[in-house]
């Protein structure tokens, strides 16, 4: 799958559902999502299936593992930054990542992940780091299967596609990455979307002022 098609899928909830099915994820709960001019800010709670010893679960005070993901995704460049926050030991556990895509051709790309994992928890820190590294490698080995399953799902029209705006911005990001100009058609459509969004915001503000005046 090419970068222009794959990039809009990252942090797209229907794609996450398919991804979770392949990885055996228990569930993903979206807590917050905000879209800026060229950034997506998203917070979600992840419930992975990770074989943790009972002693560690007891130490964590949980019957199952969960963590909060805070993501900043560039919409017009192929960079995604994230931080994962555990339910406990927040000052002792640090997990951060930088994900990048490198386009190869129209039908393929390389996904690169830089991950920092630090568990400063006495007695189990090294064990937890080993478990996370192992699970991550196992997950990444399944990316081709996730993409294949998504294509099957999308072909059946059983899952909504990413928004048109995200798709257009992905083309902008890929063009920037490979040093090619963005087509006038894409730039024109994005400009029209911004104008429509600006008009909508102004209308909402005017309606709010009228409501406040009546009150």
N, C-alpha and C. Protein backbone atom coordinates (compact mmCIF):
# COMPACT_ATOMS: atom_id res chain seq x y z
N UNK A 1 0.84 -1.19 0.00
CA UNK A 1 0.00 0.00 0.00
C UNK A 1 0.89 1.25 0.00
N UNK A 2 0.55 2.21 -0.86
CA UNK A 2 1.33 3.43 -0.94
C UNK A 2 1.11 4.34 0.25
N UNK A 3 2.05 5.26 0.47
CA UNK A 3 1.98 6.15 1.62
C UNK A 3 0.74 7.05 1.58
N UNK A 4 0.35 7.51 0.39
CA UNK A 4 -0.81 8.39 0.27
C UNK A 4 -2.10 7.69 0.69
N UNK A 5 -2.15 6.38 0.53
CA UNK A 5 -3.33 5.62 0.94
C UNK A 5 -3.22 5.17 2.40
N UNK A 6 -2.00 4.86 2.83
CA UNK A 6 -1.81 4.31 4.18
C UNK A 6 -1.84 5.39 5.27
N UNK A 7 -1.28 6.57 4.98
CA UNK A 7 -1.16 7.60 6.00
C UNK A 7 -2.50 8.04 6.59
N UNK A 8 -3.56 8.23 5.79
CA UNK A 8 -4.85 8.62 6.38
C UNK A 8 -5.45 7.54 7.29
N UNK A 9 -5.00 6.30 7.14
CA UNK A 9 -5.56 5.21 7.94
C UNK A 9 -5.05 5.21 9.38
N UNK A 10 -3.85 5.74 9.59
CA UNK A 10 -3.29 5.75 10.93
C UNK A 10 -4.09 6.71 11.81
N UNK A 11 -4.57 6.23 12.94
CA UNK A 11 -5.46 6.96 13.85
C UNK A 11 -6.87 7.10 13.29
N UNK A 12 -7.20 6.31 12.27
CA UNK A 12 -8.57 6.23 11.74
C UNK A 12 -9.25 5.06 12.47
N UNK A 13 -10.28 5.35 13.26
CA UNK A 13 -10.83 4.34 14.18
C UNK A 13 -11.27 3.05 13.48
N UNK A 14 -11.98 3.09 12.35
CA UNK A 14 -12.35 1.83 11.69
C UNK A 14 -11.13 0.97 11.34
N UNK A 15 -10.03 1.62 10.96
CA UNK A 15 -8.80 0.87 10.68
C UNK A 15 -8.25 0.27 11.98
N UNK A 16 -8.37 1.02 13.08
CA UNK A 16 -7.92 0.51 14.37
C UNK A 16 -8.70 -0.73 14.80
N UNK A 17 -9.97 -0.76 14.44
CA UNK A 17 -10.79 -1.93 14.78
C UNK A 17 -10.24 -3.17 14.08
N UNK A 18 -9.95 -3.04 12.80
CA UNK A 18 -9.37 -4.15 12.04
C UNK A 18 -8.00 -4.51 12.62
N UNK A 19 -7.21 -3.50 12.91
CA UNK A 19 -5.89 -3.72 13.49
C UNK A 19 -6.00 -4.47 14.81
N UNK A 20 -6.97 -4.06 15.64
CA UNK A 20 -7.17 -4.73 16.92
C UNK A 20 -7.57 -6.18 16.77
N UNK A 21 -8.38 -6.47 15.74
CA UNK A 21 -8.79 -7.85 15.51
C UNK A 21 -7.59 -8.73 15.15
N UNK A 22 -6.69 -8.19 14.32
CA UNK A 22 -5.52 -8.95 13.91
C UNK A 22 -4.54 -9.13 15.08
N UNK A 23 -4.37 -8.07 15.87
CA UNK A 23 -3.41 -8.11 16.97
C UNK A 23 -3.98 -8.76 18.23
N UNK A 24 -5.29 -9.00 18.23
CA UNK A 24 -5.89 -9.56 19.42
C UNK A 24 -6.11 -8.53 20.51
N UNK A 25 -6.22 -7.26 20.10
CA UNK A 25 -6.47 -6.17 21.05
C UNK A 25 -7.86 -6.34 21.65
N UNK A 26 -7.97 -6.16 22.96
CA UNK A 26 -9.28 -6.28 23.60
C UNK A 26 -10.23 -5.19 23.14
N UNK A 27 -9.76 -3.94 23.22
CA UNK A 27 -10.58 -2.82 22.76
C UNK A 27 -9.74 -1.55 22.77
N UNK A 28 -10.28 -0.53 22.06
CA UNK A 28 -9.68 0.80 22.02
C UNK A 28 -10.80 1.80 22.28
N UNK A 29 -10.61 2.67 23.27
CA UNK A 29 -11.61 3.67 23.61
C UNK A 29 -11.08 5.06 23.23
N UNK A 30 -11.78 5.75 22.35
CA UNK A 30 -11.37 7.10 21.98
C UNK A 30 -11.84 8.08 23.05
N UNK A 31 -10.92 8.82 23.64
CA UNK A 31 -11.24 9.76 24.71
C UNK A 31 -11.40 11.19 24.21
N UNK A 32 -10.58 11.58 23.25
CA UNK A 32 -10.64 12.95 22.75
C UNK A 32 -9.97 13.01 21.38
N UNK A 33 -10.47 13.90 20.53
CA UNK A 33 -9.89 14.07 19.20
C UNK A 33 -10.12 15.50 18.75
N UNK A 34 -9.03 16.19 18.37
CA UNK A 34 -9.12 17.56 17.89
C UNK A 34 -8.31 17.69 16.60
N UNK A 35 -8.83 18.48 15.69
CA UNK A 35 -8.16 18.67 14.40
C UNK A 35 -7.81 20.14 14.24
N UNK A 36 -6.54 20.43 14.02
CA UNK A 36 -6.10 21.78 13.73
C UNK A 36 -5.93 21.96 12.24
N UNK A 37 -5.26 23.02 11.84
CA UNK A 37 -5.08 23.30 10.42
C UNK A 37 -4.29 22.17 9.73
N UNK A 38 -3.28 21.66 10.40
CA UNK A 38 -2.47 20.60 9.79
C UNK A 38 -2.04 19.54 10.80
N UNK A 39 -2.76 19.46 11.93
CA UNK A 39 -2.42 18.50 12.97
C UNK A 39 -3.67 17.80 13.48
N UNK A 40 -3.49 16.54 13.88
CA UNK A 40 -4.53 15.79 14.55
C UNK A 40 -4.03 15.47 15.95
N UNK A 41 -4.81 15.85 16.95
CA UNK A 41 -4.48 15.56 18.34
C UNK A 41 -5.50 14.54 18.85
N UNK A 42 -5.01 13.41 19.32
CA UNK A 42 -5.94 12.34 19.68
C UNK A 42 -5.49 11.63 20.95
N UNK A 43 -6.44 11.36 21.81
CA UNK A 43 -6.17 10.63 23.05
C UNK A 43 -7.07 9.41 23.08
N UNK A 44 -6.50 8.25 23.35
CA UNK A 44 -7.29 7.02 23.41
C UNK A 44 -6.75 6.12 24.51
N UNK A 45 -7.60 5.23 24.97
CA UNK A 45 -7.18 4.25 25.98
C UNK A 45 -7.11 2.88 25.31
N UNK A 46 -5.97 2.25 25.41
CA UNK A 46 -5.70 0.97 24.75
C UNK A 46 -5.73 -0.18 25.75
N UNK A 47 -6.34 -1.28 25.34
CA UNK A 47 -6.38 -2.49 26.17
C UNK A 47 -5.76 -3.65 25.38
N UNK A 48 -4.44 -3.74 25.38
CA UNK A 48 -3.79 -4.81 24.61
C UNK A 48 -3.85 -6.15 25.34
N UNK A 49 -3.66 -7.19 24.57
CA UNK A 49 -3.54 -8.53 25.16
C UNK A 49 -2.05 -8.81 25.30
N UNK A 50 -1.53 -8.62 26.50
CA UNK A 50 -0.11 -8.83 26.78
C UNK A 50 0.00 -9.80 27.94
N UNK A 51 0.74 -10.89 27.76
CA UNK A 51 0.84 -11.91 28.82
C UNK A 51 1.73 -11.44 29.98
N UNK A 52 1.14 -10.67 30.91
CA UNK A 52 1.88 -10.22 32.08
C UNK A 52 1.72 -11.19 33.23
N UNK A 53 2.77 -11.46 33.98
CA UNK A 53 2.67 -12.32 35.17
C UNK A 53 1.70 -11.72 36.19
N UNK A 54 1.03 -12.57 36.94
CA UNK A 54 0.08 -12.09 37.94
C UNK A 54 0.73 -11.14 38.94
N UNK A 55 1.99 -11.38 39.25
CA UNK A 55 2.68 -10.53 40.22
C UNK A 55 2.79 -9.09 39.72
N UNK A 56 2.99 -8.92 38.40
CA UNK A 56 3.09 -7.58 37.84
C UNK A 56 1.72 -6.91 37.79
N UNK A 57 0.69 -7.67 37.42
CA UNK A 57 -0.66 -7.11 37.42
C UNK A 57 -1.06 -6.67 38.82
N UNK A 58 -0.65 -7.44 39.81
CA UNK A 58 -0.94 -7.08 41.20
C UNK A 58 -0.20 -5.81 41.58
N UNK A 59 1.03 -5.69 41.12
CA UNK A 59 1.83 -4.50 41.38
C UNK A 59 1.20 -3.28 40.72
N UNK A 60 0.67 -3.47 39.51
CA UNK A 60 0.03 -2.38 38.78
C UNK A 60 -1.35 -2.04 39.35
N UNK A 61 -1.88 -2.97 40.17
CA UNK A 61 -3.19 -2.75 40.75
C UNK A 61 -4.31 -2.92 39.75
N UNK A 62 -4.08 -3.72 38.70
CA UNK A 62 -5.06 -3.90 37.64
C UNK A 62 -5.25 -5.39 37.33
N UNK A 63 -6.45 -5.74 36.90
CA UNK A 63 -6.68 -7.12 36.48
C UNK A 63 -6.34 -7.29 35.00
N UNK A 64 -6.19 -6.17 34.28
CA UNK A 64 -5.80 -6.20 32.88
C UNK A 64 -4.96 -4.97 32.58
N UNK A 65 -4.13 -5.08 31.57
CA UNK A 65 -3.24 -3.97 31.21
C UNK A 65 -3.99 -2.96 30.35
N UNK A 66 -3.80 -1.69 30.66
CA UNK A 66 -4.32 -0.63 29.81
C UNK A 66 -3.38 0.57 29.93
N UNK A 67 -3.40 1.41 28.90
CA UNK A 67 -2.59 2.61 28.93
C UNK A 67 -3.26 3.67 28.06
N UNK A 68 -2.90 4.92 28.30
CA UNK A 68 -3.47 6.03 27.54
C UNK A 68 -2.47 6.51 26.50
N UNK A 69 -2.92 6.57 25.25
CA UNK A 69 -2.09 7.04 24.15
C UNK A 69 -2.43 8.49 23.82
N UNK A 70 -1.41 9.34 23.75
CA UNK A 70 -1.59 10.72 23.33
C UNK A 70 -0.80 10.91 22.04
N UNK A 71 -1.52 11.23 20.97
CA UNK A 71 -0.93 11.26 19.64
C UNK A 71 -0.99 12.66 19.04
N UNK A 72 0.09 13.06 18.38
CA UNK A 72 0.12 14.26 17.56
C UNK A 72 0.53 13.82 16.16
N UNK A 73 -0.41 13.88 15.25
CA UNK A 73 -0.15 13.42 13.89
C UNK A 73 -0.14 14.60 12.92
N UNK A 74 0.96 14.77 12.20
CA UNK A 74 1.03 15.79 11.16
C UNK A 74 0.18 15.32 9.97
N UNK A 75 -0.69 16.19 9.51
CA UNK A 75 -1.56 15.81 8.41
C UNK A 75 -0.94 16.11 7.05
N UNK A 76 0.03 17.05 7.02
CA UNK A 76 0.65 17.39 5.74
C UNK A 76 2.14 17.02 5.70
N UNK A 77 2.56 16.16 6.61
CA UNK A 77 3.90 15.55 6.56
C UNK A 77 3.78 14.18 7.22
N UNK A 78 4.70 13.29 6.88
CA UNK A 78 4.56 11.89 7.28
C UNK A 78 5.24 11.61 8.61
N UNK A 79 4.80 12.32 9.65
CA UNK A 79 5.38 12.17 10.99
C UNK A 79 4.26 12.09 12.02
N UNK A 80 4.37 11.14 12.92
CA UNK A 80 3.40 10.96 13.99
C UNK A 80 4.16 10.75 15.29
N UNK A 81 3.87 11.56 16.29
CA UNK A 81 4.52 11.45 17.60
C UNK A 81 3.52 11.01 18.64
N UNK A 82 3.99 10.17 19.56
CA UNK A 82 3.08 9.67 20.56
C UNK A 82 3.74 9.46 21.92
N UNK A 83 2.91 9.52 22.95
CA UNK A 83 3.34 9.19 24.30
C UNK A 83 2.29 8.27 24.91
N UNK A 84 2.77 7.24 25.60
CA UNK A 84 1.87 6.30 26.25
C UNK A 84 2.00 6.47 27.76
N UNK A 85 0.86 6.63 28.41
CA UNK A 85 0.84 6.88 29.85
C UNK A 85 0.21 5.69 30.57
N UNK A 86 0.92 5.06 31.49
CA UNK A 86 0.37 3.92 32.22
C UNK A 86 -0.61 4.38 33.30
N UNK A 87 -1.43 3.46 33.82
CA UNK A 87 -2.39 3.85 34.85
C UNK A 87 -1.74 4.14 36.20
N UNK A 88 -0.55 3.61 36.42
CA UNK A 88 0.18 3.83 37.68
C UNK A 88 1.66 4.06 37.37
N UNK A 89 2.44 4.45 38.38
CA UNK A 89 3.88 4.69 38.22
C UNK A 89 4.16 5.66 37.07
N UNK A 90 3.35 6.72 36.97
CA UNK A 90 3.49 7.64 35.84
C UNK A 90 4.83 8.36 35.82
N UNK A 91 5.43 8.52 36.99
CA UNK A 91 6.72 9.18 37.06
C UNK A 91 7.88 8.22 36.84
N UNK A 92 7.58 6.92 36.82
CA UNK A 92 8.63 5.91 36.71
C UNK A 92 8.64 5.19 35.37
N UNK A 93 7.56 5.36 34.60
CA UNK A 93 7.44 4.68 33.31
C UNK A 93 7.31 5.71 32.20
N UNK A 94 8.17 5.61 31.22
CA UNK A 94 8.16 6.56 30.11
C UNK A 94 8.20 5.80 28.79
N UNK A 95 7.18 6.02 27.97
CA UNK A 95 7.13 5.40 26.64
C UNK A 95 6.77 6.49 25.63
N UNK A 96 7.65 6.73 24.69
CA UNK A 96 7.38 7.71 23.64
C UNK A 96 7.81 7.15 22.29
N UNK A 97 7.25 7.69 21.24
CA UNK A 97 7.55 7.15 19.91
C UNK A 97 7.48 8.24 18.85
N UNK A 98 8.21 8.01 17.78
CA UNK A 98 8.12 8.83 16.58
C UNK A 98 7.99 7.88 15.40
N UNK A 99 6.89 8.00 14.67
CA UNK A 99 6.63 7.13 13.52
C UNK A 99 6.74 7.96 12.25
N UNK A 100 7.44 7.43 11.27
CA UNK A 100 7.60 8.09 9.98
C UNK A 100 7.31 7.12 8.85
N UNK A 101 6.81 7.67 7.76
CA UNK A 101 6.64 6.88 6.54
C UNK A 101 7.61 7.37 5.48
N UNK A 102 8.18 6.45 4.75
CA UNK A 102 9.03 6.79 3.61
C UNK A 102 8.41 6.18 2.36
N UNK A 103 7.91 7.01 1.44
CA UNK A 103 7.31 6.48 0.20
C UNK A 103 8.36 5.75 -0.64
N UNK A 104 7.95 4.65 -1.22
CA UNK A 104 8.80 3.90 -2.15
C UNK A 104 8.30 4.10 -3.57
N UNK A 105 7.04 3.78 -3.78
CA UNK A 105 6.37 4.06 -5.05
C UNK A 105 4.89 4.22 -4.75
N UNK A 106 4.05 4.24 -5.77
CA UNK A 106 2.62 4.48 -5.56
C UNK A 106 1.94 3.37 -4.77
N UNK A 107 2.55 2.19 -4.74
CA UNK A 107 1.90 1.04 -4.11
C UNK A 107 2.61 0.51 -2.88
N UNK A 108 3.67 1.18 -2.44
CA UNK A 108 4.39 0.66 -1.28
C UNK A 108 5.11 1.79 -0.54
N UNK A 109 5.38 1.55 0.74
CA UNK A 109 6.09 2.51 1.56
C UNK A 109 6.74 1.76 2.73
N UNK A 110 7.64 2.43 3.40
CA UNK A 110 8.31 1.87 4.56
C UNK A 110 7.87 2.63 5.81
N UNK A 111 7.48 1.89 6.82
CA UNK A 111 7.08 2.49 8.09
C UNK A 111 8.23 2.34 9.09
N UNK A 112 8.67 3.45 9.66
CA UNK A 112 9.80 3.45 10.59
C UNK A 112 9.32 3.94 11.95
N UNK A 113 9.63 3.21 12.99
CA UNK A 113 9.22 3.59 14.34
C UNK A 113 10.44 3.70 15.24
N UNK A 114 10.60 4.85 15.88
CA UNK A 114 11.62 5.05 16.89
C UNK A 114 10.91 5.05 18.25
N UNK A 115 11.27 4.10 19.09
CA UNK A 115 10.57 3.92 20.36
C UNK A 115 11.53 4.06 21.53
N UNK A 116 11.11 4.83 22.53
CA UNK A 116 11.86 4.97 23.77
C UNK A 116 11.04 4.36 24.90
N UNK A 117 11.60 3.37 25.57
CA UNK A 117 10.90 2.68 26.66
C UNK A 117 11.80 2.69 27.89
N UNK A 118 11.28 3.24 28.99
CA UNK A 118 12.02 3.26 30.25
C UNK A 118 11.09 2.88 31.39
N UNK A 119 11.43 1.82 32.10
CA UNK A 119 10.67 1.38 33.26
C UNK A 119 11.58 1.44 34.48
N UNK A 120 11.45 2.51 35.23
CA UNK A 120 12.25 2.65 36.45
C UNK A 120 11.45 2.17 37.65
N UNK A 121 11.05 0.90 37.57
CA UNK A 121 10.28 0.27 38.64
C UNK A 121 11.14 -0.83 39.23
N UNK A 122 11.45 -0.70 40.50
CA UNK A 122 12.38 -1.64 41.14
C UNK A 122 11.88 -3.08 41.04
N UNK A 123 12.76 -3.94 40.57
CA UNK A 123 12.48 -5.36 40.56
C UNK A 123 11.86 -5.89 39.28
N UNK A 124 11.13 -5.03 38.52
CA UNK A 124 10.43 -5.53 37.33
C UNK A 124 10.70 -4.66 36.10
N UNK A 125 11.50 -3.61 36.26
CA UNK A 125 11.73 -2.69 35.14
C UNK A 125 12.25 -3.36 33.89
N UNK A 126 13.33 -4.14 34.04
CA UNK A 126 13.93 -4.80 32.89
C UNK A 126 12.98 -5.83 32.27
N UNK A 127 12.23 -6.53 33.12
CA UNK A 127 11.27 -7.52 32.61
C UNK A 127 10.20 -6.84 31.77
N UNK A 128 9.67 -5.71 32.26
CA UNK A 128 8.64 -5.00 31.51
C UNK A 128 9.17 -4.46 30.19
N UNK A 129 10.39 -3.94 30.17
CA UNK A 129 10.99 -3.46 28.93
C UNK A 129 11.12 -4.59 27.91
N UNK A 130 11.52 -5.78 28.39
CA UNK A 130 11.66 -6.93 27.51
C UNK A 130 10.32 -7.35 26.92
N UNK A 131 9.28 -7.34 27.77
CA UNK A 131 7.94 -7.73 27.31
C UNK A 131 7.43 -6.75 26.26
N UNK A 132 7.59 -5.45 26.51
CA UNK A 132 7.11 -4.44 25.56
C UNK A 132 7.84 -4.57 24.22
N UNK A 133 9.16 -4.74 24.26
CA UNK A 133 9.94 -4.88 23.03
C UNK A 133 9.50 -6.11 22.24
N UNK A 134 9.26 -7.21 22.94
CA UNK A 134 8.84 -8.44 22.27
C UNK A 134 7.46 -8.27 21.62
N UNK A 135 6.52 -7.66 22.36
CA UNK A 135 5.17 -7.48 21.84
C UNK A 135 5.16 -6.52 20.65
N UNK A 136 6.02 -5.51 20.71
CA UNK A 136 6.10 -4.56 19.60
C UNK A 136 6.59 -5.23 18.32
N UNK A 137 7.64 -6.02 18.45
CA UNK A 137 8.15 -6.73 17.27
C UNK A 137 7.09 -7.66 16.70
N UNK A 138 6.38 -8.33 17.58
CA UNK A 138 5.33 -9.25 17.13
C UNK A 138 4.22 -8.49 16.40
N UNK A 139 3.86 -7.32 16.93
CA UNK A 139 2.81 -6.52 16.30
C UNK A 139 3.22 -6.04 14.92
N UNK A 140 4.46 -5.56 14.80
CA UNK A 140 4.92 -5.02 13.53
C UNK A 140 5.04 -6.10 12.46
N UNK A 141 5.28 -7.31 12.87
CA UNK A 141 5.36 -8.40 11.90
C UNK A 141 3.99 -8.67 11.27
N UNK A 142 2.92 -8.15 11.91
CA UNK A 142 1.56 -8.39 11.42
C UNK A 142 1.00 -7.23 10.60
N UNK A 143 1.80 -6.18 10.37
CA UNK A 143 1.30 -5.03 9.61
C UNK A 143 0.81 -5.43 8.22
N UNK A 144 1.55 -6.27 7.46
CA UNK A 144 1.02 -6.68 6.14
C UNK A 144 -0.34 -7.36 6.24
N UNK A 145 -0.55 -8.18 7.27
CA UNK A 145 -1.84 -8.85 7.45
C UNK A 145 -2.93 -7.84 7.80
N UNK A 146 -2.59 -6.82 8.59
CA UNK A 146 -3.56 -5.78 8.93
C UNK A 146 -4.01 -5.04 7.68
N UNK A 147 -3.05 -4.68 6.83
CA UNK A 147 -3.37 -3.96 5.59
C UNK A 147 -4.23 -4.83 4.68
N UNK A 148 -3.88 -6.12 4.59
CA UNK A 148 -4.66 -7.03 3.74
C UNK A 148 -6.10 -7.13 4.23
N UNK A 149 -6.27 -7.25 5.55
CA UNK A 149 -7.62 -7.36 6.12
C UNK A 149 -8.40 -6.06 5.91
N UNK A 150 -7.71 -4.94 6.02
CA UNK A 150 -8.40 -3.66 5.81
C UNK A 150 -8.89 -3.55 4.37
N UNK A 151 -8.07 -3.94 3.42
CA UNK A 151 -8.47 -3.88 2.01
C UNK A 151 -9.71 -4.74 1.79
N UNK A 152 -9.76 -5.91 2.40
CA UNK A 152 -10.93 -6.77 2.27
C UNK A 152 -12.16 -6.10 2.87
N UNK A 153 -11.98 -5.47 4.04
CA UNK A 153 -13.10 -4.80 4.70
C UNK A 153 -13.58 -3.61 3.88
N UNK A 154 -12.63 -2.82 3.36
CA UNK A 154 -12.99 -1.65 2.57
C UNK A 154 -13.69 -2.05 1.27
N UNK A 155 -13.27 -3.17 0.68
CA UNK A 155 -13.87 -3.63 -0.56
C UNK A 155 -15.34 -4.02 -0.37
N UNK A 156 -15.66 -4.42 0.84
CA UNK A 156 -17.04 -4.82 1.15
C UNK A 156 -17.89 -3.63 1.59
N UNK A 157 -17.27 -2.44 1.64
CA UNK A 157 -17.98 -1.22 2.08
C UNK A 157 -18.57 -1.38 3.47
N UNK A 158 -17.87 -2.10 4.33
CA UNK A 158 -18.36 -2.30 5.70
C UNK A 158 -17.68 -1.37 6.70
N UNK A 159 -16.80 -0.49 6.22
CA UNK A 159 -16.13 0.45 7.11
C UNK A 159 -15.96 1.78 6.38
N UNK A 160 -16.22 2.89 7.06
CA UNK A 160 -16.07 4.20 6.40
C UNK A 160 -14.62 4.51 6.10
N UNK A 161 -14.39 5.15 4.97
CA UNK A 161 -13.03 5.56 4.58
C UNK A 161 -12.64 6.81 5.34
N UNK A 162 -11.37 7.12 5.40
CA UNK A 162 -10.94 8.38 6.01
C UNK A 162 -11.56 9.57 5.29
N UNK A 163 -11.63 10.70 5.97
CA UNK A 163 -12.24 11.89 5.37
C UNK A 163 -11.48 12.32 4.12
N UNK A 164 -12.21 13.00 3.25
CA UNK A 164 -11.61 13.50 2.01
C UNK A 164 -10.45 14.45 2.32
N UNK A 165 -10.61 15.28 3.35
CA UNK A 165 -9.56 16.23 3.70
C UNK A 165 -8.28 15.50 4.11
N UNK A 166 -8.41 14.46 4.93
CA UNK A 166 -7.23 13.70 5.35
C UNK A 166 -6.54 13.05 4.16
N UNK A 167 -7.35 12.57 3.22
CA UNK A 167 -6.79 11.93 2.04
C UNK A 167 -6.02 12.93 1.18
N UNK A 168 -6.59 14.12 1.00
CA UNK A 168 -5.91 15.15 0.22
C UNK A 168 -4.61 15.60 0.89
N UNK A 169 -4.65 15.79 2.21
CA UNK A 169 -3.46 16.20 2.94
C UNK A 169 -2.38 15.13 2.90
N UNK A 170 -2.79 13.87 2.82
CA UNK A 170 -1.81 12.79 2.69
C UNK A 170 -1.06 12.90 1.36
N UNK A 171 -1.76 13.28 0.30
CA UNK A 171 -1.10 13.49 -0.99
C UNK A 171 -0.12 14.65 -0.91
N UNK A 172 -0.49 15.69 -0.15
CA UNK A 172 0.43 16.82 0.06
C UNK A 172 1.68 16.35 0.80
N UNK A 173 1.48 15.54 1.83
CA UNK A 173 2.59 15.04 2.63
C UNK A 173 3.55 14.19 1.80
N UNK A 174 2.99 13.32 0.96
CA UNK A 174 3.83 12.46 0.12
C UNK A 174 4.59 13.29 -0.90
N UNK A 175 3.93 14.27 -1.49
CA UNK A 175 4.60 15.14 -2.47
C UNK A 175 5.78 15.86 -1.82
N UNK A 176 5.59 16.36 -0.60
CA UNK A 176 6.66 17.04 0.11
C UNK A 176 7.80 16.08 0.41
N UNK A 177 7.45 14.83 0.78
CA UNK A 177 8.47 13.85 1.15
C UNK A 177 9.36 13.47 -0.02
N UNK A 178 8.79 13.42 -1.22
CA UNK A 178 9.57 13.00 -2.39
C UNK A 178 10.04 14.19 -3.23
N UNK A 179 9.74 15.42 -2.77
CA UNK A 179 10.22 16.60 -3.46
C UNK A 179 9.52 16.91 -4.76
N UNK A 180 8.22 16.58 -4.82
CA UNK A 180 7.44 16.86 -6.03
C UNK A 180 6.40 17.93 -5.73
N UNK A 181 5.99 18.69 -6.72
CA UNK A 181 4.96 19.72 -6.50
C UNK A 181 3.59 19.08 -6.27
N UNK A 182 2.77 19.76 -5.49
CA UNK A 182 1.41 19.30 -5.26
C UNK A 182 0.54 19.79 -6.41
N UNK A 183 -0.35 18.95 -6.89
CA UNK A 183 -1.19 19.30 -8.03
C UNK A 183 -2.11 20.47 -7.69
N UNK A 184 -2.40 21.30 -8.69
CA UNK A 184 -3.28 22.45 -8.50
C UNK A 184 -4.68 22.01 -8.07
N UNK A 185 -5.13 20.87 -8.57
CA UNK A 185 -6.47 20.38 -8.23
C UNK A 185 -6.58 20.11 -6.72
N UNK A 186 -5.56 19.48 -6.14
CA UNK A 186 -5.58 19.17 -4.72
C UNK A 186 -5.53 20.46 -3.89
N UNK A 187 -4.65 21.38 -4.26
CA UNK A 187 -4.53 22.64 -3.53
C UNK A 187 -5.83 23.44 -3.60
N UNK A 188 -6.46 23.44 -4.78
CA UNK A 188 -7.72 24.17 -4.95
C UNK A 188 -8.82 23.58 -4.09
N UNK A 189 -8.91 22.25 -4.06
CA UNK A 189 -9.95 21.60 -3.26
C UNK A 189 -9.73 21.86 -1.77
N UNK A 190 -8.48 21.84 -1.33
CA UNK A 190 -8.18 22.12 0.09
C UNK A 190 -8.53 23.57 0.44
N UNK A 191 -8.25 24.51 -0.47
CA UNK A 191 -8.61 25.91 -0.24
C UNK A 191 -10.12 26.07 -0.10
N UNK A 192 -10.87 25.38 -0.94
CA UNK A 192 -12.34 25.44 -0.86
C UNK A 192 -12.84 24.89 0.46
N UNK A 193 -12.21 23.81 0.92
CA UNK A 193 -12.60 23.22 2.21
C UNK A 193 -12.34 24.19 3.36
N UNK A 194 -11.20 24.89 3.30
CA UNK A 194 -10.87 25.85 4.36
C UNK A 194 -11.87 27.01 4.37
N UNK A 195 -12.25 27.48 3.18
CA UNK A 195 -13.21 28.57 3.09
C UNK A 195 -14.56 28.14 3.64
N UNK A 196 -14.99 26.93 3.31
CA UNK A 196 -16.27 26.42 3.82
C UNK A 196 -16.22 26.27 5.33
N UNK A 197 -15.10 25.78 5.84
CA UNK A 197 -14.95 25.62 7.29
C UNK A 197 -14.98 26.97 7.99
N UNK A 198 -14.32 27.96 7.40
CA UNK A 198 -14.31 29.30 7.98
C UNK A 198 -15.71 29.90 8.02
N UNK A 199 -16.46 29.71 6.94
CA UNK A 199 -17.84 30.22 6.89
C UNK A 199 -18.71 29.54 7.94
N UNK A 200 -18.52 28.23 8.11
CA UNK A 200 -19.30 27.48 9.09
C UNK A 200 -19.01 27.98 10.50
N UNK A 201 -17.75 28.22 10.80
CA UNK A 201 -17.36 28.72 12.12
C UNK A 201 -17.97 30.10 12.38
N UNK A 202 -17.94 30.97 11.36
CA UNK A 202 -18.51 32.30 11.51
C UNK A 202 -20.02 32.23 11.75
N UNK A 203 -20.70 31.33 11.04
CA UNK A 203 -22.14 31.17 11.24
C UNK A 203 -22.44 30.68 12.64
N UNK A 204 -21.64 29.74 13.13
CA UNK A 204 -21.85 29.22 14.49
C UNK A 204 -21.62 30.30 15.53
N UNK A 205 -20.61 31.14 15.31
CA UNK A 205 -20.33 32.23 16.25
C UNK A 205 -21.47 33.25 16.26
N UNK A 206 -22.03 33.56 15.07
CA UNK A 206 -23.13 34.49 15.00
C UNK A 206 -24.38 33.94 15.69
N UNK A 207 -24.65 32.66 15.50
CA UNK A 207 -25.79 32.03 16.16
C UNK A 207 -25.62 32.06 17.67
N UNK A 208 -24.38 31.83 18.12
CA UNK A 208 -24.11 31.84 19.56
C UNK A 208 -24.33 33.24 20.14
N UNK A 209 -23.93 34.28 19.39
CA UNK A 209 -24.13 35.65 19.84
C UNK A 209 -25.61 35.97 19.95
N UNK A 210 -26.42 35.50 18.97
CA UNK A 210 -27.86 35.74 19.00
C UNK A 210 -28.48 35.07 20.21
N UNK A 211 -28.05 33.85 20.51
CA UNK A 211 -28.59 33.13 21.67
C UNK A 211 -28.24 33.86 22.96
N UNK A 212 -27.01 34.37 23.02
CA UNK A 212 -26.57 35.08 24.22
C UNK A 212 -27.34 36.38 24.39
N UNK A 213 -27.64 37.07 23.26
CA UNK A 213 -28.39 38.33 23.32
C UNK A 213 -29.82 38.09 23.78
N UNK A 214 -30.43 37.00 23.30
CA UNK A 214 -31.81 36.68 23.68
C UNK A 214 -31.90 36.31 25.16
N UNK A 215 -30.84 35.64 25.66
CA UNK A 215 -30.84 35.22 27.06
C UNK A 215 -30.71 36.46 27.97
